Amino acid sequence: MASENALSAASSEGKVMSEWRDIETAPKDERVLISVRFGDGERETYLAFWSELDDGFRPEYAEMSVFDADSITHWMPLPKPPGEA
């Protein structure tokens, strides 16, 4: 699980090449980073995938089930892996 601060820092260093996008445009056939806003206003970022069974995004490594659709606001594609040297 990456924090938004870490993602912001990576972005400012040129390590993250994408911008956050509206969740309505998220693909349902690949893993993506999603931004989740919880009831207390705190925001966290998760690696997630679309679950046809649950009809929603599931976190890849967290011990929780599908996120409440209203709490997911944005997504970002994963960066391409580094090339071989």
Protein backbone atom coordinates (compact mmCIF):
# COMPACT_ATOMS: atom_id res chain seq x y z
CA MET A 1 0.00 0.00 0.00
CA ALA A 2 1.51 3.31 -1.04
CA SER A 3 0.63 6.57 0.60
CA GLU A 4 -0.37 9.57 -1.46
CA ASN A 5 2.62 11.44 -0.03
CA ALA A 6 4.95 8.79 -1.45
CA LEU A 7 3.17 8.96 -4.80
CA SER A 8 3.35 12.74 -4.80
CA ALA A 9 7.06 12.63 -4.03
CA ALA A 10 7.66 10.07 -6.76
CA SER A 11 5.68 12.20 -9.19
CA SER A 12 7.72 15.30 -8.41
CA GLU A 13 10.89 13.27 -8.99
CA GLY A 14 9.58 12.13 -12.38
CA LYS A 15 9.09 8.51 -11.30
CA VAL A 16 5.31 8.48 -11.79
CA MET A 17 4.36 9.58 -15.28
CA SER A 18 0.56 9.60 -15.01
CA GLU A 19 -2.05 11.87 -13.51
CA TRP A 20 -5.00 10.79 -11.39
CA ARG A 21 -8.12 10.14 -13.49
CA ASP A 22 -11.82 10.04 -12.65
CA ILE A 23 -12.82 6.57 -11.41
CA GLU A 24 -15.59 6.37 -14.02
CA THR A 25 -12.88 5.90 -16.67
CA ALA A 26 -11.03 3.08 -14.86
CA PRO A 27 -10.42 -0.11 -16.87
CA LYS A 28 -11.88 -3.34 -15.59
CA ASP A 29 -9.30 -5.61 -17.19
CA GLU A 30 -6.06 -4.61 -15.46
CA ARG A 31 -4.62 -3.79 -12.05
CA VAL A 32 -4.61 -0.07 -11.22
CA LEU A 33 -3.88 2.26 -8.33
CA ILE A 34 -7.07 3.61 -6.78
CA SER A 35 -7.56 6.52 -4.41
CA VAL A 36 -10.05 5.80 -1.63
CA ARG A 37 -11.60 8.42 0.68
CA PHE A 38 -12.81 7.06 3.98
CA GLY A 39 -15.60 8.47 6.17
CA ASP A 40 -13.18 10.50 8.28
CA GLY A 41 -11.89 12.26 5.15
CA GLU A 42 -8.59 10.39 5.16
CA ARG A 43 -7.42 9.22 1.74
CA GLU A 44 -5.33 6.15 0.97
CA THR A 45 -4.01 4.58 -2.21
CA TYR A 46 -4.30 0.87 -3.04
CA LEU A 47 -3.23 -1.49 -5.77
CA ALA A 48 -6.56 -2.96 -6.87
CA PHE A 49 -8.33 -5.00 -9.52
CA TRP A 50 -11.91 -5.20 -10.75
CA SER A 51 -13.87 -8.14 -9.37
CA GLU A 52 -16.70 -9.34 -11.60
CA LEU A 53 -17.94 -11.52 -8.75
CA ASP A 54 -18.24 -8.54 -6.38
CA ASP A 55 -18.95 -5.94 -9.09
CA GLY A 56 -16.34 -3.60 -7.64
CA PHE A 57 -12.66 -2.93 -7.06
CA ARG A 58 -10.87 -5.22 -4.61
CA PRO A 59 -7.58 -4.30 -2.96
CA GLU A 60 -4.74 -6.53 -4.07
CA TYR A 61 -3.08 -6.95 -0.66
CA ALA A 62 -5.34 -5.45 2.00
CA GLU A 63 -7.42 -7.58 4.33
CA MET A 64 -10.73 -6.09 3.26
CA SER A 65 -13.31 -6.85 0.64
CA VAL A 66 -14.65 -4.62 -2.11
CA PHE A 67 -14.54 -0.88 -1.49
CA ASP A 68 -17.76 1.10 -1.27
CA ALA A 69 -18.09 2.50 -4.81
CA ASP A 70 -18.76 6.00 -3.47
CA SER A 71 -15.44 6.03 -1.60
CA ILE A 72 -13.29 5.40 -4.71
CA THR A 73 -12.76 8.69 -6.46
CA HIS A 74 -9.76 8.34 -8.78
CA TRP A 75 -7.45 5.84 -10.42
CA MET A 76 -4.02 5.79 -12.03
CA PRO A 77 -2.44 3.21 -14.34
CA LEU A 78 0.58 1.33 -13.06
CA PRO A 79 3.89 2.43 -14.55
CA LYS A 80 5.59 0.17 -17.05
CA PRO A 81 8.29 -2.06 -15.53
CA PRO A 82 11.88 -0.94 -16.07
CA GLY A 83 13.61 -2.23 -19.19
CA GLU A 84 16.54 -4.58 -18.97
CA ALA A 85 19.96 -2.95 -18.79
